């Protein structure tokens, strides 16, 4: 019948077999007698594709007769008719006198299977638009550019690189060692699990590295930086920032302006408040420098 079943591993000329008879089809596990209608590889006897009785009518003898019909739909492939001469399920309440079906081939190419994501850090590019996008990464390393608008980005697992662009974005690195850059706008940037680098950029940002040994920098603006369970480094940079140590041994550099530091976590932290008029709440054993008002507890 020609090449009606697509695929590079399919023969150029296939055999069409129908009815219940002595022809035996070879599949990957066992041999079985012919039922219904089958496209068969004539070299191996293996069934390539099966057409079952459209009526699901047991005992209809669907496939007992197969007739070539030529090219009825003009696609340069063979069309064919199949009979069910004992069918007792005719349409529209007509007498049970058997049925015939005409099957038209279709030369539309099979859908293209999308390629698997590439392995490696930041290996799969994804892009937003100038509007507000919801962008999801893969469980492989992604490189995501959100561009303008108030975007939501979830990179999921693996080692990802996120650039939030302009706008008030919500950026989630997911599990893995991620780089999250919020850029301009009042953003929320979270590294989540893994040893992450999170940069707030311009704007009044909220940023946290999540679990792991993280580096978090606020950039310009009134930022809120929060440590987590790892030994983190938190940098306020410019702007009046609020900085909170996590449960690990935290290194804090508050930056150049009037900042507030809270580091009563029972761990030996290192705090440099920098320029400006700063306030620090710390443990008795923390190392503190450059803070104008220090409360130890």
C-alpha atoms as a PDB file:
ATOM      1  CA  UNK A   1       0.000   0.000   0.000  1.00  0.00           C
ATOM      2  CA  UNK A   2       3.042   2.327  -0.039  1.00  0.00           C
ATOM      3  CA  UNK A   3       4.430   4.336   2.857  1.00  0.00           C
ATOM      4  CA  UNK A   4       1.319   5.267   4.889  1.00  0.00           C
ATOM      5  CA  UNK A   5       2.773   4.951   8.405  1.00  0.00           C
ATOM      6  CA  UNK A   6       5.240   7.830   9.037  1.00  0.00           C
ATOM      7  CA  UNK A   7       8.628   7.388  10.647  1.00  0.00           C
ATOM      8  CA  UNK A   8      12.236   6.998   9.627  1.00  0.00           C
ATOM      9  CA  UNK A   9      12.245   3.376  10.845  1.00  0.00           C
ATOM     10  CA  UNK A  10       9.163   2.399   8.799  1.00  0.00           C
ATOM     11  CA  UNK A  11       9.495   0.603   5.418  1.00  0.00           C
ATOM     12  CA  UNK A  12       8.783   2.417   2.143  1.00  0.00           C
ATOM     13  CA  UNK A  13       6.139  -0.146   1.139  1.00  0.00           C
ATOM     14  CA  UNK A  14       3.870  -1.535   3.849  1.00  0.00           C
ATOM     15  CA  UNK A  15       1.443  -4.450   3.859  1.00  0.00           C
ATOM     16  CA  UNK A  16      -2.225  -3.959   4.810  1.00  0.00           C
ATOM     17  CA  UNK A  17      -3.721  -7.013   6.538  1.00  0.00           C
ATOM     18  CA  UNK A  18      -7.277  -7.484   7.781  1.00  0.00           C
ATOM     19  CA  UNK A  19      -9.772 -10.076   8.965  1.00  0.00           C
ATOM     20  CA  UNK A  20      -9.301 -13.112  11.182  1.00  0.00           C
ATOM     21  CA  UNK A  21      -7.039 -15.562   9.465  1.00  0.00           C
ATOM     22  CA  UNK A  22      -3.794 -17.462   9.482  1.00  0.00           C
ATOM     23  CA  UNK A  23      -1.478 -14.441   9.035  1.00  0.00           C
ATOM     24  CA  UNK A  24       0.535 -13.999  12.239  1.00  0.00           C
ATOM     25  CA  UNK A  25       1.790 -10.577  13.332  1.00  0.00           C
ATOM     26  CA  UNK A  26       5.099 -10.350  15.151  1.00  0.00           C
ATOM     27  CA  UNK A  27       5.257  -7.784  17.924  1.00  0.00           C
ATOM     28  CA  UNK A  28       7.940  -7.208  20.513  1.00  0.00           C
ATOM     29  CA  UNK A  29       6.682  -9.837  22.938  1.00  0.00           C
ATOM     30  CA  UNK A  30       4.594 -12.516  21.259  1.00  0.00           C
ATOM     31  CA  UNK A  31       2.784 -13.606  18.089  1.00  0.00           C
ATOM     32  CA  UNK A  32      -0.969 -13.105  17.659  1.00  0.00           C
ATOM     33  CA  UNK A  33      -3.567 -13.832  14.985  1.00  0.00           C
ATOM     34  CA  UNK A  34      -4.821 -10.986  12.827  1.00  0.00           C
ATOM     35  CA  UNK A  35      -7.885  -9.104  14.033  1.00  0.00           C
ATOM     36  CA  UNK A  36      -9.130  -5.711  12.841  1.00  0.00           C
ATOM     37  CA  UNK A  37      -6.902  -4.030  10.202  1.00  0.00           C
ATOM     38  CA  UNK A  38      -3.129  -3.705  10.500  1.00  0.00           C
ATOM     39  CA  UNK A  39      -0.338  -1.985   8.642  1.00  0.00           C
ATOM     40  CA  UNK A  40       2.511  -4.488   8.684  1.00  0.00           C
ATOM     41  CA  UNK A  41       6.219  -4.388   7.939  1.00  0.00           C
ATOM     42  CA  UNK A  42       6.454  -7.118   5.270  1.00  0.00           C
ATOM     43  CA  UNK A  43      10.093  -7.828   6.125  1.00  0.00           C
ATOM     44  CA  UNK A  44       9.586  -8.444   9.853  1.00  0.00           C
ATOM     45  CA  UNK A  45       5.859  -9.171  10.141  1.00  0.00           C
ATOM     46  CA  UNK A  46       5.629  -6.548  12.886  1.00  0.00           C
ATOM     47  CA  UNK A  47       2.416  -4.520  13.187  1.00  0.00           C
ATOM     48  CA  UNK A  48       3.142  -0.799  12.699  1.00  0.00           C
ATOM     49  CA  UNK A  49      -0.357   0.614  13.227  1.00  0.00           C
ATOM     50  CA  UNK A  50      -3.782  -0.857  13.994  1.00  0.00           C
ATOM     51  CA  UNK A  51      -7.247   0.323  12.955  1.00  0.00           C
ATOM     52  CA  UNK A  52      -9.985  -1.136  15.158  1.00  0.00           C
ATOM     53  CA  UNK A  53     -13.704  -1.469  14.460  1.00  0.00           C
ATOM     54  CA  UNK A  54     -15.168   2.068  14.760  1.00  0.00           C
ATOM     55  CA  UNK A  55     -18.408   0.521  16.109  1.00  0.00           C
ATOM     56  CA  UNK A  56     -16.624  -1.605  18.737  1.00  0.00           C
ATOM     57  CA  UNK A  57     -19.039  -4.323  17.593  1.00  0.00           C
ATOM     58  CA  UNK A  58     -17.920  -7.805  18.674  1.00  0.00           C
ATOM     59  CA  UNK A  59     -18.423 -10.391  15.949  1.00  0.00           C
ATOM     60  CA  UNK A  60     -18.798  -7.819  13.149  1.00  0.00           C
ATOM     61  CA  UNK A  61     -15.918  -9.364  11.142  1.00  0.00           C
ATOM     62  CA  UNK A  62     -14.451  -5.895  10.692  1.00  0.00           C
ATOM     63  CA  UNK A  63     -11.503  -6.182   8.311  1.00  0.00           C
ATOM     64  CA  UNK A  64     -12.783  -9.274   6.501  1.00  0.00           C
ATOM     65  CA  UNK A  65     -12.783  -7.276   3.276  1.00  0.00           C
ATOM     66  CA  UNK A  66     -10.282  -4.578   2.211  1.00  0.00           C
ATOM     67  CA  UNK A  67     -10.652  -2.693  -1.077  1.00  0.00           C
ATOM     68  CA  UNK A  68      -8.192  -0.117  -2.521  1.00  0.00           C
ATOM     69  CA  UNK A  69     -10.115   3.086  -3.323  1.00  0.00           C
ATOM     70  CA  UNK A  70      -7.381   5.089  -5.041  1.00  0.00           C
ATOM     71  CA  UNK A  71      -6.563   8.642  -3.951  1.00  0.00           C
ATOM     72  CA  UNK A  72      -9.925  10.104  -2.883  1.00  0.00           C
ATOM     73  CA  UNK A  73      -8.654  13.210  -1.098  1.00  0.00           C
ATOM     74  CA  UNK A  74      -5.826  14.206  -3.435  1.00  0.00           C
ATOM     75  CA  UNK A  75      -2.928  13.791  -1.022  1.00  0.00           C
ATOM     76  CA  UNK A  76      -1.030  11.280  -3.218  1.00  0.00           C
ATOM     77  CA  UNK A  77      -1.616   8.461  -0.750  1.00  0.00           C
ATOM     78  CA  UNK A  78      -3.832   5.385  -1.098  1.00  0.00           C
ATOM     79  CA  UNK A  79      -7.306   5.424   0.489  1.00  0.00           C
ATOM     80  CA  UNK A  80      -9.130   2.149   1.184  1.00  0.00           C
ATOM     81  CA  UNK A  81     -12.461   0.651   2.189  1.00  0.00           C
ATOM     82  CA  UNK A  82     -13.027  -1.928   4.943  1.00  0.00           C
ATOM     83  CA  UNK A  83     -16.164  -4.028   5.448  1.00  0.00           C
ATOM     84  CA  UNK A  84     -17.893  -5.457   8.533  1.00  0.00           C
ATOM     85  CA  UNK A  85     -20.287  -7.830   6.777  1.00  0.00           C
ATOM     86  CA  UNK A  86     -21.942  -9.162   9.981  1.00  0.00           C
ATOM     87  CA  UNK A  87     -22.188  -5.821  11.780  1.00  0.00           C
ATOM     88  CA  UNK A  88     -25.382  -5.464  13.841  1.00  0.00           C
ATOM     89  CA  UNK A  89     -24.772  -1.836  14.864  1.00  0.00           C
ATOM     90  CA  UNK A  90     -25.780   0.247  11.832  1.00  0.00           C
ATOM     91  CA  UNK A  91     -26.308   4.010  12.230  1.00  0.00           C
ATOM     92  CA  UNK A  92     -29.672   5.761  12.500  1.00  0.00           C
ATOM     93  CA  UNK A  93     -31.589   2.584  13.326  1.00  0.00           C
ATOM     94  CA  UNK A  94     -31.134   1.074   9.845  1.00  0.00           C
ATOM     95  CA  UNK A  95     -31.452  -2.705   9.350  1.00  0.00           C
ATOM     96  CA  UNK A  96     -28.476  -4.791  10.483  1.00  0.00           C
ATOM     97  CA  UNK A  97     -27.078  -5.642   7.064  1.00  0.00           C
ATOM     98  CA  UNK A  98     -23.357  -5.089   7.658  1.00  0.00           C
ATOM     99  CA  UNK A  99     -21.334  -1.939   7.156  1.00  0.00           C
ATOM    100  CA  UNK A 100     -18.534  -0.524   5.036  1.00  0.00           C
ATOM    101  CA  UNK A 101     -16.034   2.163   6.036  1.00  0.00           C
ATOM    102  CA  UNK A 102     -13.806   4.338   3.867  1.00  0.00           C
ATOM    103  CA  UNK A 103     -10.499   5.442   5.413  1.00  0.00           C
ATOM    104  CA  UNK A 104      -8.717   8.400   3.875  1.00  0.00           C
ATOM    105  CA  UNK A 105      -4.989   8.772   4.377  1.00  0.00           C
ATOM    106  CA  UNK A 106      -3.464  12.007   5.618  1.00  0.00           C
ATOM    107  CA  UNK A 107      -0.041  13.217   4.536  1.00  0.00           C
ATOM    108  CA  UNK A 108       0.172  15.860   7.272  1.00  0.00           C
ATOM    109  CA  UNK A 109       3.605  15.447   8.911  1.00  0.00           C
ATOM    110  CA  UNK A 110       3.524  14.205  12.503  1.00  0.00           C
ATOM    111  CA  UNK A 111       3.997  16.924  15.129  1.00  0.00           C
ATOM    112  CA  UNK A 112       7.580  17.840  15.867  1.00  0.00           C
ATOM    113  CA  UNK A 113       8.709  16.579  19.249  1.00  0.00           C
ATOM    114  CA  UNK A 114      10.276  19.503  21.148  1.00  0.00           C
ATOM    115  CA  UNK A 115      13.926  18.963  22.024  1.00  0.00           C
ATOM    116  CA  UNK A 116      14.880  18.125  25.573  1.00  0.00           C
ATOM    117  CA  UNK A 117      16.281  21.033  27.593  1.00  0.00           C
ATOM    118  CA  UNK A 118      20.054  21.301  27.464  1.00  0.00           C
ATOM    119  CA  UNK A 119      22.051  20.341  30.563  1.00  0.00           C
ATOM    120  CA  UNK A 120      24.358  22.785  32.304  1.00  0.00           C
ATOM    121  CA  UNK A 121      24.177  26.078  34.181  1.00  0.00           C
ATOM    122  CA  UNK A 122      21.948  28.731  32.547  1.00  0.00           C
ATOM    123  CA  UNK A 123      21.872  26.657  29.325  1.00  0.00           C
ATOM    124  CA  UNK A 124      18.256  27.197  28.186  1.00  0.00           C
ATOM    125  CA  UNK A 125      17.183  30.685  27.106  1.00  0.00           C
ATOM    126  CA  UNK A 126      13.704  32.007  27.864  1.00  0.00           C
ATOM    127  CA  UNK A 127      12.459  35.514  27.105  1.00  0.00           C
ATOM    128  CA  UNK A 128       9.647  37.708  28.341  1.00  0.00           C
ATOM    129  CA  UNK A 129       8.169  40.735  26.610  1.00  0.00           C
ATOM    130  CA  UNK A 130       7.817  44.427  27.362  1.00  0.00           C
ATOM    131  CA  UNK A 131       4.587  43.621  29.237  1.00  0.00           C
ATOM    132  CA  UNK A 132       3.824  41.767  32.458  1.00  0.00           C
ATOM    133  CA  UNK A 133       4.776  38.121  31.939  1.00  0.00           C
ATOM    134  CA  UNK A 134       4.525  34.866  33.879  1.00  0.00           C
ATOM    135  CA  UNK A 135       7.649  32.920  32.950  1.00  0.00           C
ATOM    136  CA  UNK A 136       8.401  29.371  34.061  1.00  0.00           C
ATOM    137  CA  UNK A 137      11.742  27.709  33.639  1.00  0.00           C
ATOM    138  CA  UNK A 138      12.559  24.021  33.382  1.00  0.00           C
ATOM    139  CA  UNK A 139      14.146  21.591  35.803  1.00  0.00           C
ATOM    140  CA  UNK A 140      17.395  22.200  33.923  1.00  0.00           C
ATOM    141  CA  UNK A 141      19.589  25.296  34.042  1.00  0.00           C
ATOM    142  CA  UNK A 142      17.765  28.294  32.530  1.00  0.00           C
ATOM    143  CA  UNK A 143      18.783  31.798  31.470  1.00  0.00           C
ATOM    144  CA  UNK A 144      15.695  33.995  31.740  1.00  0.00           C
ATOM    145  CA  UNK A 145      15.315  37.593  30.569  1.00  0.00           C
ATOM    146  CA  UNK A 146      12.012  39.077  31.761  1.00  0.00           C
ATOM    147  CA  UNK A 147      12.454  42.560  30.180  1.00  0.00           C
ATOM    148  CA  UNK A 148       9.874  45.278  30.970  1.00  0.00           C
ATOM    149  CA  UNK A 149       6.635  44.975  32.904  1.00  0.00           C
ATOM    150  CA  UNK A 150       5.730  43.571  36.302  1.00  0.00           C
ATOM    151  CA  UNK A 151       6.828  39.990  35.789  1.00  0.00           C
ATOM    152  CA  UNK A 152       6.630  36.754  37.766  1.00  0.00           C
ATOM    153  CA  UNK A 153       9.536  34.396  37.102  1.00  0.00           C
ATOM    154  CA  UNK A 154       9.892  30.898  38.571  1.00  0.00           C
ATOM    155  CA  UNK A 155      13.059  29.238  37.322  1.00  0.00           C
ATOM    156  CA  UNK A 156      12.420  25.906  39.095  1.00  0.00           C
ATOM    157  CA  UNK A 157      15.277  23.478  39.773  1.00  0.00           C
ATOM    158  CA  UNK A 158      18.935  23.512  38.599  1.00  0.00           C
ATOM    159  CA  UNK A 159      21.429  26.381  38.300  1.00  0.00           C
ATOM    160  CA  UNK A 160      19.609  29.349  36.768  1.00  0.00           C
ATOM    161  CA  UNK A 161      20.344  32.945  35.748  1.00  0.00           C
ATOM    162  CA  UNK A 162      17.477  35.468  35.981  1.00  0.00           C
ATOM    163  CA  UNK A 163      17.459  39.064  34.739  1.00  0.00           C
ATOM    164  CA  UNK A 164      14.261  40.791  35.854  1.00  0.00           C
ATOM    165  CA  UNK A 165      14.635  43.914  33.706  1.00  0.00           C
ATOM    166  CA  UNK A 166      12.509  46.955  34.478  1.00  0.00           C
ATOM    167  CA  UNK A 167       9.278  46.801  36.448  1.00  0.00           C
ATOM    168  CA  UNK A 168       8.174  45.513  39.842  1.00  0.00           C
ATOM    169  CA  UNK A 169       9.031  41.845  39.484  1.00  0.00           C
ATOM    170  CA  UNK A 170       8.758  38.701  41.617  1.00  0.00           C
ATOM    171  CA  UNK A 171      11.761  36.479  40.897  1.00  0.00           C
ATOM    172  CA  UNK A 172      12.178  32.930  42.257  1.00  0.00           C
ATOM    173  CA  UNK A 173      15.386  31.033  41.589  1.00  0.00           C
ATOM    174  CA  UNK A 174      14.176  27.629  42.772  1.00  0.00           C
ATOM    175  CA  UNK A 175      16.463  24.818  43.887  1.00  0.00           C
ATOM    176  CA  UNK A 176      20.039  25.114  42.631  1.00  0.00           C
ATOM    177  CA  UNK A 177      22.869  27.647  42.683  1.00  0.00           C
ATOM    178  CA  UNK A 178      21.197  30.638  41.057  1.00  0.00           C
ATOM    179  CA  UNK A 179      22.044  34.183  40.008  1.00  0.00           C
ATOM    180  CA  UNK A 180      19.058  36.532  40.371  1.00  0.00           C
ATOM    181  CA  UNK A 181      19.393  40.153  39.195  1.00  0.00           C
ATOM    182  CA  UNK A 182      16.296  42.273  39.777  1.00  0.00           C
ATOM    183  CA  UNK A 183      17.455  45.411  37.886  1.00  0.00           C
ATOM    184  CA  UNK A 184      15.175  48.498  38.118  1.00  0.00           C
ATOM    185  CA  UNK A 185      11.829  48.646  39.909  1.00  0.00           C
ATOM    186  CA  UNK A 186      10.551  47.686  43.350  1.00  0.00           C
ATOM    187  CA  UNK A 187      11.251  43.976  43.141  1.00  0.00           C
ATOM    188  CA  UNK A 188      10.998  40.845  45.249  1.00  0.00           C
ATOM    189  CA  UNK A 189      13.941  38.548  44.543  1.00  0.00           C
ATOM    190  CA  UNK A 190      14.431  35.159  46.207  1.00  0.00           C
ATOM    191  CA  UNK A 191      17.233  32.712  45.513  1.00  0.00           C
ATOM    192  CA  UNK A 192      15.508  29.866  47.404  1.00  0.00           C
ATOM    193  CA  UNK A 193      17.439  26.599  47.932  1.00  0.00           C
ATOM    194  CA  UNK A 194      21.115  26.455  46.970  1.00  0.00           C
ATOM    195  CA  UNK A 195      24.093  28.804  47.194  1.00  0.00           C
ATOM    196  CA  UNK A 196      22.668  31.841  45.414  1.00  0.00           C
ATOM    197  CA  UNK A 197      23.668  35.361  44.399  1.00  0.00           C
ATOM    198  CA  UNK A 198      20.790  37.847  44.566  1.00  0.00           C
ATOM    199  CA  UNK A 199      21.114  41.485  43.454  1.00  0.00           C
ATOM    200  CA  UNK A 200      18.308  43.984  43.978  1.00  0.00           C
ATOM    201  CA  UNK A 201      19.486  46.801  41.705  1.00  0.00           C
ATOM    202  CA  UNK A 202      17.698  50.159  41.641  1.00  0.00           C
ATOM    203  CA  UNK A 203      14.408  50.446  43.529  1.00  0.00           C
ATOM    204  CA  UNK A 204      12.985  49.540  46.926  1.00  0.00           C
ATOM    205  CA  UNK A 205      13.556  45.790  46.905  1.00  0.00           C
ATOM    206  CA  UNK A 206      12.966  42.793  49.140  1.00  0.00           C
ATOM    207  CA  UNK A 207      15.623  40.125  48.697  1.00  0.00           C
ATOM    208  CA  UNK A 208      16.595  36.847  50.314  1.00  0.00           C
ATOM    209  CA  UNK A 209      18.891  34.028  49.323  1.00  0.00           C
ATOM    210  CA  UNK A 210      16.899  31.260  50.975  1.00  0.00           C
ATOM    211  CA  UNK A 211      18.565  28.122  52.296  1.00  0.00           C
ATOM    212  CA  UNK A 212      22.267  27.822  51.472  1.00  0.00           C
ATOM    213  CA  UNK A 213      25.343  30.053  51.631  1.00  0.00           C
ATOM    214  CA  UNK A 214      24.126  33.123  49.788  1.00  0.00           C
ATOM    215  CA  UNK A 215      25.319  36.564  48.750  1.00  0.00           C
ATOM    216  CA  UNK A 216      22.534  39.188  48.759  1.00  0.00           C
ATOM    217  CA  UNK A 217      23.034  42.827  47.700  1.00  0.00           C
ATOM    218  CA  UNK A 218      20.299  45.452  47.822  1.00  0.00           C
ATOM    219  CA  UNK A 219      21.611  48.063  45.390  1.00  0.00           C
ATOM    220  CA  UNK A 220      20.179  51.572  45.539  1.00  0.00           C
ATOM    221  CA  UNK A 221      16.878  52.256  47.292  1.00  0.00           C
ATOM    222  CA  UNK A 222      15.266  51.394  50.616  1.00  0.00           C
ATOM    223  CA  UNK A 223      15.761  47.647  50.636  1.00  0.00           C
ATOM    224  CA  UNK A 224      14.853  44.831  53.000  1.00  0.00           C
ATOM    225  CA  UNK A 225      17.446  42.047  53.018  1.00  0.00           C
ATOM    226  CA  UNK A 226      16.901  38.800  54.900  1.00  0.00           C
ATOM    227  CA  UNK A 227      19.318  35.976  55.602  1.00  0.00           C
ATOM    228  CA  UNK A 228      18.288  32.368  56.049  1.00  0.00           C
ATOM    229  CA  UNK A 229      19.713  29.097  57.358  1.00  0.00           C
ATOM    230  CA  UNK A 230      23.153  29.312  55.727  1.00  0.00           C
ATOM    231  CA  UNK A 231      26.211  31.450  56.398  1.00  0.00           C
ATOM    232  CA  UNK A 232      25.141  34.432  54.293  1.00  0.00           C
ATOM    233  CA  UNK A 233      26.680  37.719  53.193  1.00  0.00           C
ATOM    234  CA  UNK A 234      24.258  40.671  53.124  1.00  0.00           C
ATOM    235  CA  UNK A 235      25.191  44.017  51.527  1.00  0.00           C
ATOM    236  CA  UNK A 236      22.804  46.948  51.867  1.00  0.00           C
ATOM    237  CA  UNK A 237      24.745  49.295  49.559  1.00  0.00           C
ATOM    238  CA  UNK A 238      23.134  52.742  49.073  1.00  0.00           C
ATOM    239  CA  UNK A 239      19.749  53.670  50.534  1.00  0.00           C
ATOM    240  CA  UNK A 240      18.214  53.389  53.990  1.00  0.00           C
ATOM    241  CA  UNK A 241      18.072  49.619  54.333  1.00  0.00           C
ATOM    242  CA  UNK A 242      16.677  47.115  56.833  1.00  0.00           C
ATOM    243  CA  UNK A 243      18.863  44.040  57.147  1.00  0.00           C
ATOM    244  CA  UNK A 244      17.997  40.857  59.063  1.00  0.00           C
ATOM    245  CA  UNK A 245      20.480  38.087  59.736  1.00  0.00           C
ATOM    246  CA  UNK A 246      19.304  34.517  59.314  1.00  0.00           C
ATOM    247  CA  UNK A 247      20.079  31.563  61.551  1.00  0.00           C
ATOM    248  CA  UNK A 248      23.594  31.047  60.176  1.00  0.00           C
ATOM    249  CA  UNK A 249      26.801  32.989  60.807  1.00  0.00           C
ATOM    250  CA  UNK A 250      26.108  36.147  58.848  1.00  0.00           C
ATOM    251  CA  UNK A 251      28.383  38.833  57.455  1.00  0.00           C
ATOM    252  CA  UNK A 252      26.595  42.188  57.075  1.00  0.00           C
ATOM    253  CA  UNK A 253      27.813  45.350  55.362  1.00  0.00           C
ATOM    254  CA  UNK A 254      24.963  47.837  55.657  1.00  0.00           C
ATOM    255  CA  UNK A 255      26.297  50.400  53.188  1.00  0.00           C
ATOM    256  CA  UNK A 256      26.475  54.167  53.028  1.00  0.00           C
ATOM    257  CA  UNK A 257      23.255  55.550  54.542  1.00  0.00           C
ATOM    258  CA  UNK A 258      20.991  55.285  57.584  1.00  0.00           C
ATOM    259  CA  UNK A 259      20.436  51.569  58.048  1.00  0.00           C
ATOM    260  CA  UNK A 260      18.819  49.238  60.554  1.00  0.00           C
ATOM    261  CA  UNK A 261      20.482  45.892  61.321  1.00  0.00           C
ATOM    262  CA  UNK A 262      18.959  43.038  63.322  1.00  0.00           C
ATOM    263  CA  UNK A 263      21.310  40.137  64.081  1.00  0.00           C
ATOM    264  CA  UNK A 264      20.178  38.554  67.347  1.00  0.00           C
ATOM    265  CA  UNK A 265      20.348  34.986  66.125  1.00  0.00           C
ATOM    266  CA  UNK A 266      22.631  33.329  68.675  1.00  0.00           C
ATOM    267  CA  UNK A 267      25.461  33.080  66.145  1.00  0.00           C
ATOM    268  CA  UNK A 268      28.771  34.922  65.895  1.00  0.00           C
ATOM    269  CA  UNK A 269      28.015  37.480  63.179  1.00  0.00           C
ATOM    270  CA  UNK A 270      30.204  40.211  61.708  1.00  0.00           C
ATOM    271  CA  UNK A 271      28.502  43.583  61.165  1.00  0.00           C
ATOM    272  CA  UNK A 272      29.842  46.749  59.544  1.00  0.00           C
ATOM    273  CA  UNK A 273      27.194  49.456  59.471  1.00  0.00           C
ATOM    274  CA  UNK A 274      29.242  51.730  57.180  1.00  0.00           C
ATOM    275  CA  UNK A 275      28.402  55.399  56.651  1.00  0.00           C
ATOM    276  CA  UNK A 276      25.281  57.149  57.863  1.00  0.00           C
ATOM    277  CA  UNK A 277      23.499  57.036  61.197  1.00  0.00           C
ATOM    278  CA  UNK A 278      22.844  53.354  61.827  1.00  0.00           C
ATOM    279  CA  UNK A 279      21.098  51.196  64.418  1.00  0.00           C
ATOM    280  CA  UNK A 280      22.097  47.608  65.234  1.00  0.00           C
ATOM    281  CA  UNK A 281      20.491  44.964  67.476  1.00  0.00           C
ATOM    282  CA  UNK A 282      23.091  42.236  67.958  1.00  0.00           C
ATOM    283  CA  UNK A 283      24.235  39.398  70.218  1.00  0.00           C
ATOM    284  CA  UNK A 284      26.822  40.058  72.916  1.00  0.00           C
ATOM    285  CA  UNK A 285      29.526  38.155  71.035  1.00  0.00           C
ATOM    286  CA  UNK A 286      28.964  39.698  67.559  1.00  0.00           C
ATOM    287  CA  UNK A 287      31.738  41.781  65.991  1.00  0.00           C
ATOM    288  CA  UNK A 288      30.346  45.256  65.275  1.00  0.00           C
ATOM    289  CA  UNK A 289      31.887  48.309  63.575  1.00  0.00           C
ATOM    290  CA  UNK A 290      30.582  51.653  62.320  1.00  0.00           C
ATOM    291  CA  UNK A 291      27.213  51.464  64.066  1.00  0.00           C
ATOM    292  CA  UNK A 292      26.124  54.616  65.939  1.00  0.00           C
ATOM    293  CA  UNK A 293      23.469  52.939  68.109  1.00  0.00           C
ATOM    294  CA  UNK A 294      24.143  49.366  69.228  1.00  0.00           C
ATOM    295  CA  UNK A 295      21.853  47.260  71.410  1.00  0.00           C
ATOM    296  CA  UNK A 296      23.348  43.971  72.603  1.00  0.00           C
ATOM    297  CA  UNK A 297      21.239  41.182  73.990  1.00  0.00           C
END
